[in-house]
Amino acid sequence: MADSYKIGQERAADGSATLLHLGGELDITARDALRTVILAALAVGDVVIDLDAVTFIDSEALGALVDGYNEARARPAGFRVVNANGLVARVLKVSGVLELFGA
C-alpha cells in the first residue's frame, strides 16, 4: 500500500531555514519518517513546517511535531508550523499546540 502522506523538503531562498512541505494524511504511518526528517532538518538550523496540503493529523504525527519543537528548543533553533487549515488547525488548537508552534 502506498503511503498516504508526502514530505517535501527545500532550503529557503535566503538560506535561513529548511522548509518542510507536508501533505496528505499524517497518522501513525507517517510518524517515524516525519520525526526523522524534522530532526535532520534541525541539525542544519531553523525549520518551517507547511501544513497547507495536510488533510488529517492524528496524535502520533502530532507527537512527531512536538518532538521537533522540543528538539528546536534544546538546540536552540527556530521551529514554526504554518498554514494549518480546517480539521488540522482544529486538532492543533484543541491539543493546545497551535500557539506553541506559531501556527
PDB file of N, CA and C in Angstrom:
ATOM      1  N   MET A   1       0.844  -1.184   0.000  1.00  0.00           N
ATOM      2  CA  MET A   1       0.000   0.000   0.000  1.00  0.00           C
ATOM      3  C   MET A   1       0.885   1.242   0.000  1.00  0.00           C
ATOM      4  N   ALA A   2       0.555   2.192  -0.816  1.00  0.00           N
ATOM      5  CA  ALA A   2       1.326   3.431  -0.903  1.00  0.00           C
ATOM      6  C   ALA A   2       1.057   4.297   0.321  1.00  0.00           C
ATOM      7  N   ASP A   3       2.083   5.055   0.714  1.00  0.00           N
ATOM      8  CA  ASP A   3       1.900   5.975   1.832  1.00  0.00           C
ATOM      9  C   ASP A   3       0.840   7.005   1.479  1.00  0.00           C
ATOM     10  N   SER A   4       0.074   7.408   2.486  1.00  0.00           N
ATOM     11  CA  SER A   4      -0.989   8.382   2.263  1.00  0.00           C
ATOM     12  C   SER A   4      -0.531   9.788   2.626  1.00  0.00           C
ATOM     13  N   TYR A   5       0.776   9.974   2.719  1.00  0.00           N
ATOM     14  CA  TYR A   5       1.324  11.283   3.060  1.00  0.00           C
ATOM     15  C   TYR A   5       2.530  11.582   2.175  1.00  0.00           C
ATOM     16  N   LYS A   6       2.892  12.849   2.148  1.00  0.00           N
ATOM     17  CA  LYS A   6       4.069  13.291   1.398  1.00  0.00           C
ATOM     18  C   LYS A   6       4.863  14.242   2.275  1.00  0.00           C
ATOM     19  N   ILE A   7       6.184  14.151   2.156  1.00  0.00           N
ATOM     20  CA  ILE A   7       7.073  15.070   2.848  1.00  0.00           C
ATOM     21  C   ILE A   7       8.059  15.611   1.823  1.00  0.00           C
ATOM     22  N   GLY A   8       7.949  16.906   1.552  1.00  0.00           N
ATOM     23  CA  GLY A   8       8.882  17.571   0.647  1.00  0.00           C
ATOM     24  C   GLY A   8       9.785  18.486   1.452  1.00  0.00           C
ATOM     25  N   GLN A   9      10.985  18.691   0.951  1.00  0.00           N
ATOM     26  CA  GLN A   9      11.948  19.496   1.695  1.00  0.00           C
ATOM     27  C   GLN A   9      12.720  20.392   0.749  1.00  0.00           C
ATOM     28  N   GLU A  10      12.935  21.625   1.176  1.00  0.00           N
ATOM     29  CA  GLU A  10      13.771  22.550   0.421  1.00  0.00           C
ATOM     30  C   GLU A  10      14.367  23.569   1.375  1.00  0.00           C
ATOM     31  N   ARG A  11      15.421  24.187   0.945  1.00  0.00           N
ATOM     32  CA  ARG A  11      16.050  25.244   1.727  1.00  0.00           C
ATOM     33  C   ARG A  11      15.408  26.555   1.319  1.00  0.00           C
ATOM     34  N   ALA A  12      15.111  27.430   2.267  1.00  0.00           N
ATOM     35  CA  ALA A  12      14.549  28.748   1.965  1.00  0.00           C
ATOM     36  C   ALA A  12      15.508  29.479   1.041  1.00  0.00           C
ATOM     37  N   ALA A  13      14.968  30.305   0.164  1.00  0.00           N
ATOM     38  CA  ALA A  13      15.780  31.025  -0.817  1.00  0.00           C
ATOM     39  C   ALA A  13      16.897  31.830  -0.161  1.00  0.00           C
ATOM     40  N   ASP A  14      16.618  32.376   0.999  1.00  0.00           N
ATOM     41  CA  ASP A  14      17.642  33.176   1.686  1.00  0.00           C
ATOM     42  C   ASP A  14      18.527  32.321   2.588  1.00  0.00           C
ATOM     43  N   GLY A  15      18.307  30.998   2.586  1.00  0.00           N
ATOM     44  CA  GLY A  15      19.124  30.086   3.371  1.00  0.00           C
ATOM     45  C   GLY A  15      18.847  30.104   4.861  1.00  0.00           C
ATOM     46  N   SER A  16      17.788  30.787   5.261  1.00  0.00           N
ATOM     47  CA  SER A  16      17.527  30.975   6.685  1.00  0.00           C
ATOM     48  C   SER A  16      16.897  29.770   7.378  1.00  0.00           C
ATOM     49  N   ALA A  17      16.283  28.873   6.617  1.00  0.00           N
ATOM     50  CA  ALA A  17      15.575  27.749   7.238  1.00  0.00           C
ATOM     51  C   ALA A  17      15.369  26.629   6.232  1.00  0.00           C
ATOM     52  N   THR A  18      15.070  25.454   6.755  1.00  0.00           N
ATOM     53  CA  THR A  18      14.622  24.346   5.924  1.00  0.00           C
ATOM     54  C   THR A  18      13.106  24.368   5.937  1.00  0.00           C
ATOM     55  N   LEU A  19      12.515  24.312   4.760  1.00  0.00           N
ATOM     56  CA  LEU A  19      11.061  24.288   4.617  1.00  0.00           C
ATOM     57  C   LEU A  19      10.624  22.850   4.376  1.00  0.00           C
ATOM     58  N   LEU A  20       9.738  22.373   5.219  1.00  0.00           N
ATOM     59  CA  LEU A  20       9.171  21.042   5.050  1.00  0.00           C
ATOM     60  C   LEU A  20       7.724  21.198   4.618  1.00  0.00           C
ATOM     61  N   HIS A  21       7.404  20.690   3.432  1.00  0.00           N
ATOM     62  CA  HIS A  21       6.048  20.763   2.890  1.00  0.00           C
ATOM     63  C   HIS A  21       5.402  19.400   3.085  1.00  0.00           C
ATOM     64  N   LEU A  22       4.402  19.350   3.961  1.00  0.00           N
ATOM     65  CA  LEU A  22       3.729  18.095   4.260  1.00  0.00           C
ATOM     66  C   LEU A  22       2.386  18.032   3.556  1.00  0.00           C
ATOM     67  N   GLY A  23       1.969  16.824   3.209  1.00  0.00           N
ATOM     68  CA  GLY A  23       0.685  16.673   2.547  1.00  0.00           C
ATOM     69  C   GLY A  23       0.050  15.336   2.845  1.00  0.00           C
ATOM     70  N   GLY A  24      -1.254  15.271   2.651  1.00  0.00           N
ATOM     71  CA  GLY A  24      -1.997  14.033   2.833  1.00  0.00           C
ATOM     72  C   GLY A  24      -2.393  13.792   4.271  1.00  0.00           C
ATOM     73  N   GLU A  25      -2.437  12.519   4.640  1.00  0.00           N
ATOM     74  CA  GLU A  25      -2.881  12.104   5.969  1.00  0.00           C
ATOM     75  C   GLU A  25      -1.678  11.752   6.828  1.00  0.00           C
ATOM     76  N   LEU A  26      -1.474  12.553   7.870  1.00  0.00           N
ATOM     77  CA  LEU A  26      -0.363  12.315   8.783  1.00  0.00           C
ATOM     78  C   LEU A  26      -0.883  11.519   9.975  1.00  0.00           C
ATOM     79  N   ASP A  27      -0.555  10.229   9.979  1.00  0.00           N
ATOM     80  CA  ASP A  27      -1.004   9.356  11.057  1.00  0.00           C
ATOM     81  C   ASP A  27       0.177   8.524  11.529  1.00  0.00           C
ATOM     82  N   ILE A  28      -0.103   7.424  12.189  1.00  0.00           N
ATOM     83  CA  ILE A  28       0.966   6.600  12.745  1.00  0.00           C
ATOM     84  C   ILE A  28       1.953   6.133  11.675  1.00  0.00           C
ATOM     85  N   THR A  29       1.486   5.953  10.448  1.00  0.00           N
ATOM     86  CA  THR A  29       2.389   5.505   9.385  1.00  0.00           C
ATOM     87  C   THR A  29       3.386   6.589   8.988  1.00  0.00           C
ATOM     88  N   ALA A  30       3.069   7.842   9.271  1.00  0.00           N
ATOM     89  CA  ALA A  30       3.956   8.959   8.932  1.00  0.00           C
ATOM     90  C   ALA A  30       4.885   9.346  10.080  1.00  0.00           C
ATOM     91  N   ARG A  31       4.554   8.912  11.278  1.00  0.00           N
ATOM     92  CA  ARG A  31       5.253   9.382  12.479  1.00  0.00           C
ATOM     93  C   ARG A  31       6.772   9.275  12.405  1.00  0.00           C
ATOM     94  N   ASP A  32       7.295   8.099  12.148  1.00  0.00           N
ATOM     95  CA  ASP A  32       8.743   7.904  12.184  1.00  0.00           C
ATOM     96  C   ASP A  32       9.455   8.696  11.095  1.00  0.00           C
ATOM     97  N   ALA A  33       8.924   8.671   9.885  1.00  0.00           N
ATOM     98  CA  ALA A  33       9.540   9.424   8.795  1.00  0.00           C
ATOM     99  C   ALA A  33       9.493  10.924   9.078  1.00  0.00           C
ATOM    100  N   LEU A  34       8.370  11.387   9.587  1.00  0.00           N
ATOM    101  CA  LEU A  34       8.215  12.810   9.902  1.00  0.00           C
ATOM    102  C   LEU A  34       9.210  13.235  10.973  1.00  0.00           C
ATOM    103  N   ARG A  35       9.304  12.461  12.024  1.00  0.00           N
ATOM    104  CA  ARG A  35      10.234  12.771  13.110  1.00  0.00           C
ATOM    105  C   ARG A  35      11.674  12.790  12.599  1.00  0.00           C
ATOM    106  N   THR A  36      12.046  11.808  11.806  1.00  0.00           N
ATOM    107  CA  THR A  36      13.403  11.723  11.262  1.00  0.00           C
ATOM    108  C   THR A  36      13.737  12.939  10.400  1.00  0.00           C
ATOM    109  N   VAL A  37      12.823  13.330   9.525  1.00  0.00           N
ATOM    110  CA  VAL A  37      13.055  14.476   8.641  1.00  0.00           C
ATOM    111  C   VAL A  37      13.162  15.768   9.448  1.00  0.00           C
ATOM    112  N   ILE A  38      12.295  15.938  10.423  1.00  0.00           N
ATOM    113  CA  ILE A  38      12.328  17.152  11.245  1.00  0.00           C
ATOM    114  C   ILE A  38      13.644  17.242  12.013  1.00  0.00           C
ATOM    115  N   LEU A  39      14.057  16.163  12.654  1.00  0.00           N
ATOM    116  CA  LEU A  39      15.293  16.191  13.440  1.00  0.00           C
ATOM    117  C   LEU A  39      16.513  16.406  12.552  1.00  0.00           C
ATOM    118  N   ALA A  40      16.526  15.821  11.364  1.00  0.00           N
ATOM    119  CA  ALA A  40      17.636  16.032  10.433  1.00  0.00           C
ATOM    120  C   ALA A  40      17.687  17.488   9.978  1.00  0.00           C
ATOM    121  N   ALA A  41      16.539  18.070   9.727  1.00  0.00           N
ATOM    122  CA  ALA A  41      16.491  19.473   9.310  1.00  0.00           C
ATOM    123  C   ALA A  41      16.953  20.390  10.438  1.00  0.00           C
ATOM    124  N   LEU A  42      16.593  20.065  11.667  1.00  0.00           N
ATOM    125  CA  LEU A  42      17.015  20.875  12.810  1.00  0.00           C
ATOM    126  C   LEU A  42      18.522  20.809  13.024  1.00  0.00           C
ATOM    127  N   ALA A  43      19.157  19.732  12.584  1.00  0.00           N
ATOM    128  CA  ALA A  43      20.610  19.614  12.699  1.00  0.00           C
ATOM    129  C   ALA A  43      21.311  20.677  11.847  1.00  0.00           C
ATOM    130  N   VAL A  44      20.602  21.178  10.829  1.00  0.00           N
ATOM    131  CA  VAL A  44      21.148  22.207   9.945  1.00  0.00           C
ATOM    132  C   VAL A  44      20.783  23.607  10.428  1.00  0.00           C
ATOM    133  N   GLY A  45      19.638  23.747  11.112  1.00  0.00           N
ATOM    134  CA  GLY A  45      19.202  25.060  11.588  1.00  0.00           C
ATOM    135  C   GLY A  45      17.698  25.134  11.757  1.00  0.00           C
ATOM    136  N   ASP A  46      17.154  26.320  11.508  1.00  0.00           N
ATOM    137  CA  ASP A  46      15.731  26.576  11.704  1.00  0.00           C
ATOM    138  C   ASP A  46      14.865  25.752  10.753  1.00  0.00           C
ATOM    139  N   VAL A  47      13.632  25.471  11.197  1.00  0.00           N
ATOM    140  CA  VAL A  47      12.695  24.671  10.409  1.00  0.00           C
ATOM    141  C   VAL A  47      11.331  25.364  10.369  1.00  0.00           C
ATOM    142  N   VAL A  48      10.736  25.383   9.174  1.00  0.00           N
ATOM    143  CA  VAL A  48       9.363  25.847   8.984  1.00  0.00           C
ATOM    144  C   VAL A  48       8.597  24.691   8.354  1.00  0.00           C
ATOM    145  N   ILE A  49       7.508  24.294   8.993  1.00  0.00           N
ATOM    146  CA  ILE A  49       6.706  23.171   8.512  1.00  0.00           C
ATOM    147  C   ILE A  49       5.395  23.706   7.956  1.00  0.00           C
ATOM    148  N   ASP A  50       5.166  23.451   6.669  1.00  0.00           N
ATOM    149  CA  ASP A  50       3.973  23.919   5.967  1.00  0.00           C
ATOM    150  C   ASP A  50       2.942  22.791   5.914  1.00  0.00           C
ATOM    151  N   LEU A  51       1.800  23.010   6.567  1.00  0.00           N
ATOM    152  CA  LEU A  51       0.743  22.003   6.633  1.00  0.00           C
ATOM    153  C   LEU A  51      -0.394  22.259   5.642  1.00  0.00           C
ATOM    154  N   ASP A  52      -0.187  23.144   4.689  1.00  0.00           N
ATOM    155  CA  ASP A  52      -1.264  23.543   3.777  1.00  0.00           C
ATOM    156  C   ASP A  52      -1.939  22.356   3.089  1.00  0.00           C
ATOM    157  N   ALA A  53      -1.182  21.345   2.703  1.00  0.00           N
ATOM    158  CA  ALA A  53      -1.750  20.214   1.961  1.00  0.00           C
ATOM    159  C   ALA A  53      -2.078  19.017   2.855  1.00  0.00           C
ATOM    160  N   VAL A  54      -2.027  19.201   4.170  1.00  0.00           N
ATOM    161  CA  VAL A  54      -2.356  18.110   5.091  1.00  0.00           C
ATOM    162  C   VAL A  54      -3.870  18.073   5.297  1.00  0.00           C
ATOM    163  N   THR A  55      -4.449  16.900   5.135  1.00  0.00           N
ATOM    164  CA  THR A  55      -5.899  16.745   5.265  1.00  0.00           C
ATOM    165  C   THR A  55      -6.311  16.105   6.581  1.00  0.00           C
ATOM    166  N   PHE A  56      -5.353  15.483   7.277  1.00  0.00           N
ATOM    167  CA  PHE A  56      -5.640  14.786   8.526  1.00  0.00           C
ATOM    168  C   PHE A  56      -4.358  14.693   9.332  1.00  0.00           C
ATOM    169  N   ILE A  57      -4.476  14.830  10.654  1.00  0.00           N
ATOM    170  CA  ILE A  57      -3.332  14.616  11.533  1.00  0.00           C
ATOM    171  C   ILE A  57      -3.827  13.930  12.800  1.00  0.00           C
ATOM    172  N   ASP A  58      -3.116  12.884  13.223  1.00  0.00           N
ATOM    173  CA  ASP A  58      -3.506  12.203  14.456  1.00  0.00           C
ATOM    174  C   ASP A  58      -2.472  12.476  15.541  1.00  0.00           C
ATOM    175  N   SER A  59      -2.692  11.878  16.709  1.00  0.00           N
ATOM    176  CA  SER A  59      -1.829  12.147  17.860  1.00  0.00           C
ATOM    177  C   SER A  59      -0.399  11.657  17.647  1.00  0.00           C
ATOM    178  N   GLU A  60      -0.214  10.618  16.862  1.00  0.00           N
ATOM    179  CA  GLU A  60       1.135  10.114  16.597  1.00  0.00           C
ATOM    180  C   GLU A  60       1.950  11.120  15.788  1.00  0.00           C
ATOM    181  N   ALA A  61       1.366  11.643  14.724  1.00  0.00           N
ATOM    182  CA  ALA A  61       2.055  12.648  13.910  1.00  0.00           C
ATOM    183  C   ALA A  61       2.219  13.945  14.690  1.00  0.00           C
ATOM    184  N   LEU A  62       1.217  14.283  15.479  1.00  0.00           N
ATOM    185  CA  LEU A  62       1.315  15.467  16.334  1.00  0.00           C
ATOM    186  C   LEU A  62       2.479  15.299  17.312  1.00  0.00           C
ATOM    187  N   GLY A  63       2.660  14.088  17.813  1.00  0.00           N
ATOM    188  CA  GLY A  63       3.786  13.801  18.699  1.00  0.00           C
ATOM    189  C   GLY A  63       5.127  14.031  18.013  1.00  0.00           C
ATOM    190  N   ALA A  64       5.224  13.702  16.731  1.00  0.00           N
ATOM    191  CA  ALA A  64       6.459  13.944  15.985  1.00  0.00           C
ATOM    192  C   ALA A  64       6.730  15.441  15.878  1.00  0.00           C
ATOM    193  N   LEU A  65       5.671  16.238  15.682  1.00  0.00           N
ATOM    194  CA  LEU A  65       5.840  17.691  15.647  1.00  0.00           C
ATOM    195  C   LEU A  65       6.291  18.220  17.001  1.00  0.00           C
ATOM    196  N   VAL A  66       5.711  17.703  18.068  1.00  0.00           N
ATOM    197  CA  VAL A  66       6.103  18.125  19.416  1.00  0.00           C
ATOM    198  C   VAL A  66       7.554  17.740  19.692  1.00  0.00           C
ATOM    199  N   ASP A  67       7.965  16.549  19.258  1.00  0.00           N
ATOM    200  CA  ASP A  67       9.366  16.151  19.403  1.00  0.00           C
ATOM    201  C   ASP A  67      10.280  17.144  18.689  1.00  0.00           C
ATOM    202  N   GLY A  68       9.884  17.554  17.500  1.00  0.00           N
ATOM    203  CA  GLY A  68      10.662  18.542  16.756  1.00  0.00           C
ATOM    204  C   GLY A  68      10.733  19.871  17.485  1.00  0.00           C
ATOM    205  N   TYR A  69       9.612  20.311  18.001  1.00  0.00           N
ATOM    206  CA  TYR A  69       9.575  21.560  18.763  1.00  0.00           C
ATOM    207  C   TYR A  69      10.515  21.475  19.968  1.00  0.00           C
ATOM    208  N   ASN A  70      10.443  20.383  20.710  1.00  0.00           N
ATOM    209  CA  ASN A  70      11.293  20.212  21.889  1.00  0.00           C
ATOM    210  C   ASN A  70      12.774  20.187  21.522  1.00  0.00           C
ATOM    211  N   GLU A  71      13.098  19.528  20.424  1.00  0.00           N
ATOM    212  CA  GLU A  71      14.490  19.491  19.966  1.00  0.00           C
ATOM    213  C   GLU A  71      14.964  20.883  19.555  1.00  0.00           C
ATOM    214  N   ALA A  72      14.111  21.633  18.892  1.00  0.00           N
ATOM    215  CA  ALA A  72      14.462  23.004  18.494  1.00  0.00           C
ATOM    216  C   ALA A  72      14.740  23.860  19.721  1.00  0.00           C
ATOM    217  N   ARG A  73      13.933  23.719  20.738  1.00  0.00           N
ATOM    218  CA  ARG A  73      14.133  24.480  21.981  1.00  0.00           C
ATOM    219  C   ARG A  73      15.454  24.092  22.646  1.00  0.00           C
ATOM    220  N   ALA A  74      15.829  22.824  22.575  1.00  0.00           N
ATOM    221  CA  ALA A  74      17.052  22.346  23.217  1.00  0.00           C
ATOM    222  C   ALA A  74      18.308  22.813  22.484  1.00  0.00           C
ATOM    223  N   ARG A  75      18.225  23.097  21.191  1.00  0.00           N
ATOM    224  CA  ARG A  75      19.426  23.408  20.393  1.00  0.00           C
ATOM    225  C   ARG A  75      20.004  24.784  20.677  1.00  0.00           C
ATOM    226  N   PRO A  76      19.523  25.914  20.646  1.00  0.00           N
ATOM    227  CA  PRO A  76      18.203  26.354  20.193  1.00  0.00           C
ATOM    228  C   PRO A  76      18.177  26.603  18.680  1.00  0.00           C
ATOM    229  N   ALA A  77      17.025  26.367  18.118  1.00  0.00           N
ATOM    230  CA  ALA A  77      16.785  26.623  16.696  1.00  0.00           C
ATOM    231  C   ALA A  77      15.342  27.083  16.559  1.00  0.00           C
ATOM    232  N   GLY A  78      15.049  27.750  15.464  1.00  0.00           N
ATOM    233  CA  GLY A  78      13.682  28.182  15.200  1.00  0.00           C
ATOM    234  C   GLY A  78      12.828  27.019  14.738  1.00  0.00           C
ATOM    235  N   PHE A  79      11.559  27.043  15.125  1.00  0.00           N
ATOM    236  CA  PHE A  79      10.617  25.990  14.735  1.00  0.00           C
ATOM    237  C   PHE A  79       9.237  26.612  14.615  1.00  0.00           C
ATOM    238  N   ARG A  80       8.706  26.601  13.400  1.00  0.00           N
ATOM    239  CA  ARG A  80       7.358  27.134  13.175  1.00  0.00           C
ATOM    240  C   ARG A  80       6.556  26.167  12.340  1.00  0.00           C
ATOM    241  N   VAL A  81       5.263  26.144  12.600  1.00  0.00           N
ATOM    242  CA  VAL A  81       4.316  25.387  11.796  1.00  0.00           C
ATOM    243  C   VAL A  81       3.362  26.407  11.195  1.00  0.00           C
ATOM    244  N   VAL A  82       3.183  26.359   9.869  1.00  0.00           N
ATOM    245  CA  VAL A  82       2.361  27.354   9.184  1.00  0.00           C
ATOM    246  C   VAL A  82       1.299  26.678   8.322  1.00  0.00           C
ATOM    247  N   ASN A  83       0.291  27.458   7.979  1.00  0.00           N
ATOM    248  CA  ASN A  83      -0.764  27.075   7.027  1.00  0.00           C
ATOM    249  C   ASN A  83      -1.602  25.879   7.447  1.00  0.00           C
ATOM    250  N   ALA A  84      -1.843  25.740   8.743  1.00  0.00           N
ATOM    251  CA  ALA A  84      -2.767  24.701   9.199  1.00  0.00           C
ATOM    252  C   ALA A  84      -4.189  25.156   8.865  1.00  0.00           C
ATOM    253  N   ASN A  85      -4.959  24.286   8.246  1.00  0.00           N
ATOM    254  CA  ASN A  85      -6.308  24.619   7.798  1.00  0.00           C
ATOM    255  C   ASN A  85      -7.321  23.603   8.297  1.00  0.00           C
ATOM    256  N   GLY A  86      -8.570  24.025   8.366  1.00  0.00           N
ATOM    257  CA  GLY A  86      -9.685  23.124   8.634  1.00  0.00           C
ATOM    258  C   GLY A  86      -9.500  22.232   9.838  1.00  0.00           C
ATOM    259  N   LEU A  87      -9.701  20.934   9.619  1.00  0.00           N
ATOM    260  CA  LEU A  87      -9.603  19.941  10.679  1.00  0.00           C
ATOM    261  C   LEU A  87      -8.214  19.926  11.309  1.00  0.00           C
ATOM    262  N   VAL A  88      -7.189  20.108  10.513  1.00  0.00           N
ATOM    263  CA  VAL A  88      -5.814  20.093  11.029  1.00  0.00           C
ATOM    264  C   VAL A  88      -5.614  21.256  12.001  1.00  0.00           C
ATOM    265  N   ALA A  89      -6.078  22.439  11.637  1.00  0.00           N
ATOM    266  CA  ALA A  89      -5.974  23.598  12.533  1.00  0.00           C
ATOM    267  C   ALA A  89      -6.759  23.346  13.813  1.00  0.00           C
ATOM    268  N   ARG A  90      -7.896  22.714  13.680  1.00  0.00           N
ATOM    269  CA  ARG A  90      -8.718  22.425  14.863  1.00  0.00           C
ATOM    270  C   ARG A  90      -8.013  21.460  15.808  1.00  0.00           C
ATOM    271  N   VAL A  91      -7.390  20.420  15.265  1.00  0.00           N
ATOM    272  CA  VAL A  91      -6.648  19.467  16.093  1.00  0.00           C
ATOM    273  C   VAL A  91      -5.504  20.182  16.812  1.00  0.00           C
ATOM    274  N   LEU A  92      -4.784  21.038  16.108  1.00  0.00           N
ATOM    275  CA  LEU A  92      -3.688  21.779  16.739  1.00  0.00           C
ATOM    276  C   LEU A  92      -4.203  22.691  17.845  1.00  0.00           C
ATOM    277  N   LYS A  93      -5.354  23.317  17.595  1.00  0.00           N
ATOM    278  CA  LYS A  93      -5.921  24.216  18.589  1.00  0.00           C
ATOM    279  C   LYS A  93      -6.406  23.457  19.824  1.00  0.00           C
ATOM    280  N   VAL A  94      -7.179  22.390  19.605  1.00  0.00           N
ATOM    281  CA  VAL A  94      -7.738  21.610  20.713  1.00  0.00           C
ATOM    282  C   VAL A  94      -6.628  20.967  21.546  1.00  0.00           C
ATOM    283  N   SER A  95      -5.547  20.562  20.885  1.00  0.00           N
ATOM    284  CA  SER A  95      -4.439  19.922  21.607  1.00  0.00           C
ATOM    285  C   SER A  95      -3.570  20.928  22.339  1.00  0.00           C
ATOM    286  N   GLY A  96      -3.759  22.212  22.059  1.00  0.00           N
ATOM    287  CA  GLY A  96      -3.012  23.257  22.750  1.00  0.00           C
ATOM    288  C   GLY A  96      -1.679  23.616  22.134  1.00  0.00           C
ATOM    289  N   VAL A  97      -1.372  23.101  20.963  1.00  0.00           N
ATOM    290  CA  VAL A  97      -0.072  23.393  20.365  1.00  0.00           C
ATOM    291  C   VAL A  97      -0.114  24.443  19.262  1.00  0.00           C
ATOM    292  N   LEU A  98      -1.284  24.911  18.891  1.00  0.00           N
ATOM    293  CA  LEU A  98      -1.393  25.893  17.812  1.00  0.00           C
ATOM    294  C   LEU A  98      -0.527  27.121  18.103  1.00  0.00           C
ATOM    295  N   GLU A  99      -0.685  27.701  19.265  1.00  0.00           N
ATOM    296  CA  GLU A  99       0.114  28.874  19.621  1.00  0.00           C
ATOM    297  C   GLU A  99       1.564  28.502  19.889  1.00  0.00           C
ATOM    298  N   LEU A 100       1.781  27.356  20.465  1.00  0.00           N
ATOM    299  CA  LEU A 100       3.144  26.880  20.746  1.00  0.00           C
ATOM    300  C   LEU A 100       3.964  26.825  19.465  1.00  0.00           C
ATOM    301  N   PHE A 101       3.368  26.316  18.406  1.00  0.00           N
ATOM    302  CA  PHE A 101       4.042  26.177  17.127  1.00  0.00           C
ATOM    303  C   PHE A 101       4.065  27.462  16.316  1.00  0.00           C
ATOM    304  N   GLY A 102       3.362  28.483  16.748  1.00  0.00           N
ATOM    305  CA  GLY A 102       3.299  29.724  15.982  1.00  0.00           C
ATOM    306  C   GLY A 102       2.465  29.587  14.727  1.00  0.00           C
ATOM    307  N   ALA A 103       1.537  28.619  14.727  1.00  0.00           N
ATOM    308  CA  ALA A 103       0.722  28.357  13.534  1.00  0.00           C
ATOM    309  C   ALA A 103      -0.369  29.387  13.350  1.00  0.00           C
TER     310      ALA A 103
END
